[in-house]
Amino acid sequence: MFDADAFGRAAFRVLFGICIIVTNSTANAESLSDRLNRSDYFAASAKNAAFPVRNSKGGLSLLLVDFETGTRKKLTIAKSHLLSPFLSPDGKRLLFVRHPNGQIGRELISCDTDDLACKSVLKSEGSISYPVEISGGRILYIASPYVIGADGKGRYHKKDFWLMDQSGPPRQLTSMMLYELSSISATENMVYFSALGPARDHPSIPPSDIFAKQRSDIFKLPFDSAQGKIEGPSQTLAPLFLANGYARSPSVSSDESLVAFLRTRTDIGNYRYELVISDKDGHATRLITSSGLGFSQPVVIGQSVYANEIYGDRYQIKNVSARPMKLVTEVTDESIDVLKDVELTVKP
């Protein structure tokens, strides 16, 4: 069973007509779709990277890759999917979300990358996704309650920003109740994100127009990092970085001088997500094309942009902003398969 939040994103991709490119790989269409659906979950620092892979028991582990030593560890928790990784800028801490198989709750876990000492940070009966560290040891993340609809099915479709700090219980920062909210990238003054599916009674974002030639689900809101407050929208937000095609999954530098995001063309049958590097106003842009299935969500580190280029039988982690583009490391499916699962012990 795959993560319900990922299924939500996959459904929107089908709605937007996003197709899978079939390569000469022996991987079938279902595995390629699975691989692409996981591409939103990519974390990186200048030291290491982490992203979800299938383990020997059919669950989702996190592959932790050390750039300097080449060491790879397949981190696993029994009967669980591990998703939404985030690496601290120095690469010493890994945050991720544990989704116990067959259960509706989520658990936020923090691990030291050197000795893999892990502790439980937060448990919730609702969803938790896309955690990011901000100043003061606080964590900004996305959450939704588990809502039973008229059809009797449960969904996480009322997503908002939440903050957890050391002084008290988690705080809800917004009341947008979005069907999909992802790809948090926060500076001291702004938070960038992807969003789809506005609430009917108070739409904070515009409804999606699947026939528009220019589409974007990228938005931003004022963010007071020191106070841990997000200024909710007083009117419907305007999407950012509109151009021919469909844009999503932003990552921004701390000074907002550099923004990276994904864009795909919508005027051809089979297409993939390419990567765009831009200034915050969208004026000076650079398009990096993919020779594989497409790029993962990008990560801006300083003034460099890292991404995982996805192929049918391997992954290539690259510094895509380097000229020429620099391959940091390649991970083949075969090399992942032979790794032993590293079972994590999580302290309360």
Protein backbone atom coordinates (compact mmCIF):
# COMPACT_ATOMS: atom_id res chain seq x y z
CA MET A 1 0.00 0.00 0.00
CA PHE A 2 1.35 3.41 -0.95
CA ASP A 3 1.00 6.61 1.03
CA ALA A 4 -2.43 8.24 0.77
CA ASP A 5 -0.92 11.70 0.31
CA ALA A 6 1.12 10.43 -2.63
CA PHE A 7 -2.03 8.94 -4.12
CA GLY A 8 -3.61 12.38 -3.91
CA ARG A 9 -0.75 13.93 -5.85
CA ALA A 10 -0.86 11.09 -8.38
CA ALA A 11 -4.59 11.69 -8.92
CA PHE A 12 -3.92 15.36 -9.67
CA ARG A 13 -1.19 14.38 -12.10
CA VAL A 14 -3.64 12.17 -13.95
CA LEU A 15 -6.11 15.06 -13.95
CA PHE A 16 -3.48 17.31 -15.45
CA GLY A 17 -2.67 14.74 -18.10
CA ILE A 18 0.86 14.00 -16.94
CA CYS A 19 2.06 10.90 -18.77
CA ILE A 20 4.80 8.40 -18.06
CA ILE A 21 7.60 8.09 -20.57
CA VAL A 22 8.46 4.46 -21.31
CA THR A 23 12.17 3.85 -21.78
CA ASN A 24 14.12 0.78 -22.85
CA SER A 25 14.24 -0.29 -19.20
CA THR A 26 12.73 -3.62 -18.24
CA ALA A 27 10.72 -1.83 -15.53
CA ASN A 28 6.99 -1.97 -16.20
CA ALA A 29 4.63 1.02 -16.34
CA GLU A 30 3.38 0.44 -12.80
CA SER A 31 6.89 0.56 -11.30
CA LEU A 32 7.72 3.68 -13.31
CA SER A 33 4.60 5.35 -12.00
CA ASP A 34 5.53 4.30 -8.47
CA ARG A 35 9.03 5.71 -8.96
CA LEU A 36 7.73 9.02 -10.25
CA ASN A 37 5.15 9.37 -7.48
CA ARG A 38 7.97 9.13 -4.93
CA SER A 39 9.99 11.87 -6.66
CA ASP A 40 8.41 14.60 -4.51
CA TYR A 41 10.22 13.06 -1.54
CA PHE A 42 13.86 14.08 -2.08
CA ALA A 43 16.09 15.66 0.56
CA ALA A 44 19.66 16.86 0.22
CA SER A 45 22.44 18.76 1.94
CA ALA A 46 25.95 19.48 0.73
CA LYS A 47 26.96 16.27 2.55
CA ASN A 48 24.27 13.71 1.77
CA ALA A 49 20.87 12.95 0.27
CA ALA A 50 17.85 10.83 1.16
CA PHE A 51 14.89 9.51 -0.82
CA PRO A 52 12.40 6.61 -0.53
CA VAL A 53 13.00 3.24 -2.19
CA ARG A 54 11.21 -0.09 -2.05
CA ASN A 55 12.63 -2.58 0.46
CA SER A 56 12.69 -6.37 0.46
CA LYS A 57 9.33 -6.58 2.24
CA GLY A 58 7.49 -4.31 -0.16
CA GLY A 59 7.50 -1.28 2.12
CA LEU A 60 9.22 2.06 1.64
CA SER A 61 12.63 2.61 3.18
CA LEU A 62 14.78 5.73 3.02
CA LEU A 63 18.05 5.46 1.14
CA LEU A 64 20.65 7.66 2.86
CA VAL A 65 23.60 8.43 0.59
CA ASP A 66 26.86 9.98 1.84
CA PHE A 67 28.44 12.04 -0.96
CA GLU A 68 32.02 11.96 0.38
CA THR A 69 32.34 8.27 1.30
CA GLY A 70 29.76 6.85 -1.08
CA THR A 71 28.21 4.93 1.84
CA ARG A 72 24.57 3.96 1.31
CA LYS A 73 22.17 2.84 4.00
CA LYS A 74 18.63 1.57 3.47
CA LEU A 75 16.84 2.81 6.59
CA THR A 76 13.79 0.78 7.57
CA ILE A 77 11.16 0.49 10.30
CA ALA A 78 9.19 -2.74 10.33
CA LYS A 79 5.64 -2.60 8.97
CA SER A 80 6.01 1.05 7.97
CA HIS A 81 6.52 3.36 5.03
CA LEU A 82 9.13 6.10 5.54
CA LEU A 83 8.38 9.31 3.65
CA SER A 84 8.93 13.08 3.55
CA PRO A 85 12.67 13.15 4.34
CA PHE A 86 14.38 16.42 5.27
CA LEU A 87 18.10 16.89 5.90
CA SER A 88 19.49 19.73 8.00
CA PRO A 89 21.80 22.04 6.00
CA ASP A 90 24.87 20.44 7.62
CA GLY A 91 23.57 16.95 6.86
CA LYS A 92 23.75 15.83 10.50
CA ARG A 93 20.01 15.40 11.13
CA LEU A 94 17.39 13.55 9.16
CA LEU A 95 13.69 14.19 9.68
CA PHE A 96 11.10 11.89 8.15
CA VAL A 97 7.52 10.72 8.56
CA ARG A 98 6.63 7.16 9.51
CA HIS A 99 3.36 5.77 8.13
CA PRO A 100 2.53 2.49 9.90
CA ASN A 101 1.01 -0.02 7.48
CA GLY A 102 -2.77 -0.15 7.64
CA GLN A 103 -3.05 2.68 10.15
CA ILE A 104 -4.26 6.24 9.69
CA GLY A 105 -1.80 7.91 12.07
CA ARG A 106 1.62 9.38 11.31
CA GLU A 107 4.80 9.84 13.35
CA LEU A 108 7.52 12.44 12.87
CA ILE A 109 10.98 11.06 13.62
CA SER A 110 14.40 12.72 13.93
CA CYS A 111 17.69 10.80 13.51
CA ASP A 112 21.38 11.68 13.74
CA THR A 113 22.87 10.66 10.41
CA ASP A 114 26.24 9.62 11.93
CA ASP A 115 25.08 7.03 14.47
CA LEU A 116 21.40 6.70 13.44
CA ALA A 117 20.19 7.48 16.96
CA CYS A 118 16.50 8.23 16.43
CA LYS A 119 13.73 9.70 18.54
CA SER A 120 10.02 10.24 18.08
CA VAL A 121 9.21 13.93 17.77
CA LEU A 122 5.46 13.93 17.18
CA LYS A 123 2.61 11.46 16.77
CA SER A 124 -0.70 12.33 15.16
CA GLU A 125 -3.93 10.61 14.18
CA GLY A 126 -3.95 12.87 11.12
CA SER A 127 -1.37 13.32 8.39
CA ILE A 128 2.11 14.81 8.75
CA SER A 129 4.21 15.68 5.70
CA TYR A 130 7.03 17.84 4.38
CA PRO A 131 8.71 18.78 7.68
CA VAL A 132 11.44 21.44 7.54
CA GLU A 133 13.65 22.79 10.32
CA ILE A 134 13.59 26.50 10.99
CA SER A 135 15.48 28.57 13.57
CA GLY A 136 15.33 27.69 17.26
CA GLY A 137 15.00 23.97 16.73
CA ARG A 138 11.43 24.36 15.50
CA ILE A 139 9.77 22.35 12.76
CA LEU A 140 7.35 23.68 10.16
CA TYR A 141 5.20 21.00 8.56
CA ILE A 142 1.93 20.22 6.79
CA ALA A 143 -0.92 18.40 8.51
CA SER A 144 -4.53 17.43 7.92
CA PRO A 145 -7.11 15.66 10.04
CA TYR A 146 -8.42 12.32 8.82
CA VAL A 147 -11.85 13.17 7.44
CA ILE A 148 -14.55 10.60 6.60
CA GLY A 149 -16.46 11.74 3.52
CA ALA A 150 -20.06 11.14 2.44
CA ASP A 151 -18.86 8.06 0.55
CA GLY A 152 -17.57 6.57 3.79
CA LYS A 153 -13.92 6.86 2.74
CA GLY A 154 -11.31 8.66 4.81
CA ARG A 155 -9.07 11.34 3.30
CA TYR A 156 -6.46 13.90 4.32
CA HIS A 157 -7.89 16.76 2.27
CA LYS A 158 -7.87 19.70 4.69
CA LYS A 159 -4.18 20.52 4.74
CA ASP A 160 -2.61 23.49 6.49
CA PHE A 161 0.69 24.73 7.91
CA TRP A 162 1.57 23.74 11.47
CA LEU A 163 4.54 24.55 13.71
CA MET A 164 6.12 22.53 16.47
CA ASP A 165 8.53 24.06 18.98
CA GLN A 166 9.97 23.23 22.38
CA SER A 167 7.62 25.43 24.41
CA GLY A 168 4.26 23.74 23.94
CA PRO A 169 1.96 21.68 21.73
CA PRO A 170 1.94 22.06 17.93
CA ARG A 171 0.23 25.18 16.59
CA GLN A 172 -1.88 25.49 13.45
CA LEU A 173 -0.64 28.51 11.50
CA THR A 174 -3.17 28.74 8.64
CA SER A 175 -6.79 27.85 7.92
CA MET A 176 -6.75 27.24 4.17
CA MET A 177 -8.02 23.61 4.23
CA LEU A 178 -6.39 22.66 0.93
CA TYR A 179 -6.79 19.32 -0.81
CA GLU A 180 -3.07 19.23 -1.57
CA LEU A 181 -0.24 21.19 0.07
CA SER A 182 3.40 20.24 -0.41
CA SER A 183 7.01 21.27 -1.08
CA ILE A 184 7.58 23.73 1.77
CA SER A 185 10.56 26.05 1.34
CA ALA A 186 10.91 28.69 4.05
CA THR A 187 13.07 31.79 4.47
CA GLU A 188 13.01 34.26 7.36
CA ASN A 189 10.30 36.29 5.64
CA MET A 190 8.48 34.02 3.20
CA VAL A 191 7.28 30.46 2.78
CA TYR A 192 6.98 29.05 -0.75
CA PHE A 193 4.84 25.98 -1.43
CA SER A 194 2.78 23.99 -3.92
CA ALA A 195 -1.00 23.79 -3.45
CA LEU A 196 -4.10 22.46 -5.21
CA GLY A 197 -7.77 22.15 -4.38
CA PRO A 198 -9.06 25.30 -2.63
CA ALA A 199 -11.84 25.16 -0.06
CA ARG A 200 -15.21 26.12 -1.56
CA ASP A 201 -16.30 28.58 1.09
CA HIS A 202 -13.03 30.54 1.35
CA PRO A 203 -10.71 29.81 -1.59
CA SER A 204 -7.18 30.86 -0.68
CA ILE A 205 -5.88 29.77 -4.09
CA PRO A 206 -7.59 29.80 -7.48
CA PRO A 207 -9.22 26.63 -8.82
CA SER A 208 -7.12 24.70 -11.32
CA ASP A 209 -7.82 25.18 -15.01
CA ILE A 210 -6.58 22.05 -16.76
CA PHE A 211 -7.05 23.64 -20.18
CA ALA A 212 -4.93 26.72 -19.48
CA LYS A 213 -1.69 26.92 -21.45
CA GLN A 214 0.05 28.51 -18.47
CA ARG A 215 -0.44 26.80 -15.09
CA SER A 216 1.32 26.89 -11.76
CA ASP A 217 0.54 25.53 -8.31
CA ILE A 218 3.39 27.56 -6.73
CA PHE A 219 2.45 30.24 -4.17
CA LYS A 220 4.04 32.13 -1.29
CA LEU A 221 2.91 33.69 1.99
CA PRO A 222 4.61 36.12 4.41
CA PHE A 223 6.36 34.17 7.15
CA ASP A 224 7.76 35.55 10.40
CA SER A 225 10.40 32.96 11.25
CA ALA A 226 11.28 34.57 14.58
CA GLN A 227 7.68 34.54 15.83
CA GLY A 228 6.68 31.37 14.01
CA LYS A 229 3.73 32.99 12.25
CA ILE A 230 2.37 32.79 8.71
CA GLU A 231 0.19 35.61 7.46
CA GLY A 232 -2.84 33.88 5.98
CA PRO A 233 -4.14 35.17 2.65
CA SER A 234 -6.67 38.03 2.81
CA GLN A 235 -7.63 37.31 -0.80
CA THR A 236 -7.09 34.56 -3.34
CA LEU A 237 -3.37 34.12 -3.99
CA ALA A 238 -1.92 34.50 -7.47
CA PRO A 239 0.22 31.62 -8.76
CA LEU A 240 3.92 32.30 -9.32
CA PHE A 241 6.22 31.62 -12.28
CA LEU A 242 3.49 31.34 -14.88
CA ALA A 243 4.79 30.35 -18.31
CA ASN A 244 3.79 27.88 -20.99
CA GLY A 245 3.38 24.54 -19.25
CA TYR A 246 2.73 23.54 -15.66
CA ALA A 247 5.01 24.52 -12.73
CA ARG A 248 5.22 23.04 -9.22
CA SER A 249 7.56 21.98 -6.34
CA PRO A 250 9.55 25.12 -5.46
CA SER A 251 12.76 25.39 -3.46
CA VAL A 252 14.24 28.77 -2.57
CA SER A 253 17.56 30.07 -1.24
CA SER A 254 17.63 31.69 2.19
CA ASP A 255 17.93 35.19 0.67
CA GLU A 256 15.27 34.47 -2.00
CA SER A 257 17.70 35.36 -4.76
CA LEU A 258 17.44 31.88 -6.27
CA VAL A 259 14.37 29.73 -6.85
CA ALA A 260 14.26 26.27 -8.42
CA PHE A 261 11.11 24.42 -9.42
CA LEU A 262 9.74 21.80 -11.80
CA ARG A 263 7.97 22.53 -15.07
CA THR A 264 6.53 20.30 -17.74
CA ARG A 265 5.22 21.10 -21.19
CA THR A 266 1.53 20.42 -21.70
CA ASP A 267 1.32 20.72 -25.48
CA ILE A 268 2.76 17.29 -26.28
CA GLY A 269 1.59 13.77 -25.55
CA ASN A 270 4.37 12.25 -23.45
CA TYR A 271 6.34 14.69 -21.37
CA ARG A 272 8.44 14.90 -18.25
CA TYR A 273 9.33 17.32 -15.50
CA GLU A 274 12.28 19.53 -16.37
CA LEU A 275 13.96 21.85 -13.87
CA VAL A 276 13.86 25.64 -13.92
CA ILE A 277 16.29 27.89 -12.05
CA SER A 278 15.13 31.48 -11.70
CA ASP A 279 15.37 34.66 -9.69
CA LYS A 280 12.43 35.32 -7.36
CA ASP A 281 10.70 37.54 -9.94
CA GLY A 282 10.91 34.88 -12.64
CA HIS A 283 12.91 37.10 -14.99
CA ALA A 284 16.30 35.40 -15.33
CA THR A 285 15.47 31.75 -15.96
CA ARG A 286 17.45 28.70 -16.97
CA LEU A 287 15.83 25.44 -18.10
CA ILE A 288 17.60 22.14 -17.41
CA THR A 289 16.21 19.28 -19.46
CA SER A 290 16.18 15.65 -18.37
CA SER A 291 17.38 12.69 -20.40
CA GLY A 292 15.52 10.28 -18.08
CA LEU A 293 11.97 10.15 -16.76
CA GLY A 294 12.34 13.59 -15.20
CA PHE A 295 13.71 15.35 -12.13
CA SER A 296 12.71 15.04 -8.51
CA GLN A 297 11.75 17.99 -6.39
CA PRO A 298 14.83 20.27 -6.34
CA VAL A 299 16.68 21.37 -3.20
CA VAL A 300 18.51 24.71 -3.05
CA ILE A 301 21.64 24.57 -0.89
CA GLY A 302 23.34 27.96 -0.66
CA GLN A 303 23.51 29.01 -4.30
CA SER A 304 23.54 25.46 -5.65
CA VAL A 305 20.59 23.35 -6.77
CA TYR A 306 20.51 19.59 -6.25
CA ALA A 307 18.00 17.17 -7.73
CA ASN A 308 17.54 13.46 -8.31
CA GLU A 309 17.25 12.62 -12.01
CA ILE A 310 15.06 9.56 -12.35
CA TYR A 311 15.59 6.73 -14.83
CA GLY A 312 13.87 3.39 -15.28
CA ASP A 313 16.67 1.47 -13.55
CA ARG A 314 18.72 4.05 -11.61
CA TYR A 315 18.89 7.45 -9.97
CA GLN A 316 21.44 10.18 -10.62
CA ILE A 317 21.85 12.83 -7.92
CA LYS A 318 23.18 15.97 -9.58
CA ASN A 319 24.23 19.51 -8.87
CA VAL A 320 22.05 20.82 -11.67
CA SER A 321 23.10 24.45 -11.23
CA ALA A 322 26.77 23.70 -11.99
CA ARG A 323 28.01 24.53 -15.47
CA PRO A 324 28.25 21.92 -16.85
CA MET A 325 25.78 19.96 -14.73
CA LYS A 326 27.68 17.82 -12.21
CA LEU A 327 26.90 14.19 -11.37
CA VAL A 328 27.32 13.77 -7.60
CA THR A 329 26.52 10.06 -7.42
CA GLU A 330 24.60 7.36 -9.28
CA VAL A 331 22.47 4.74 -7.53
CA THR A 332 21.31 1.76 -9.56
CA ASP A 333 18.35 -0.44 -8.68
CA GLU A 334 20.73 -3.40 -8.54
CA SER A 335 22.90 -1.68 -5.92
CA ILE A 336 19.79 -0.88 -3.84
CA ASP A 337 18.53 -4.46 -4.02
CA VAL A 338 21.73 -5.92 -2.53
CA LEU A 339 21.75 -3.55 0.45
CA LYS A 340 20.62 -5.01 3.75
CA ASP A 341 17.79 -3.20 5.51
CA VAL A 342 19.04 -1.12 8.44
CA GLU A 343 16.28 -1.44 11.05
CA LEU A 344 16.01 1.78 13.06
CA THR A 345 15.35 1.88 16.79
CA VAL A 346 13.19 4.86 17.71
CA LYS A 347 13.19 6.17 21.27
CA PRO A 348 10.03 7.85 22.61
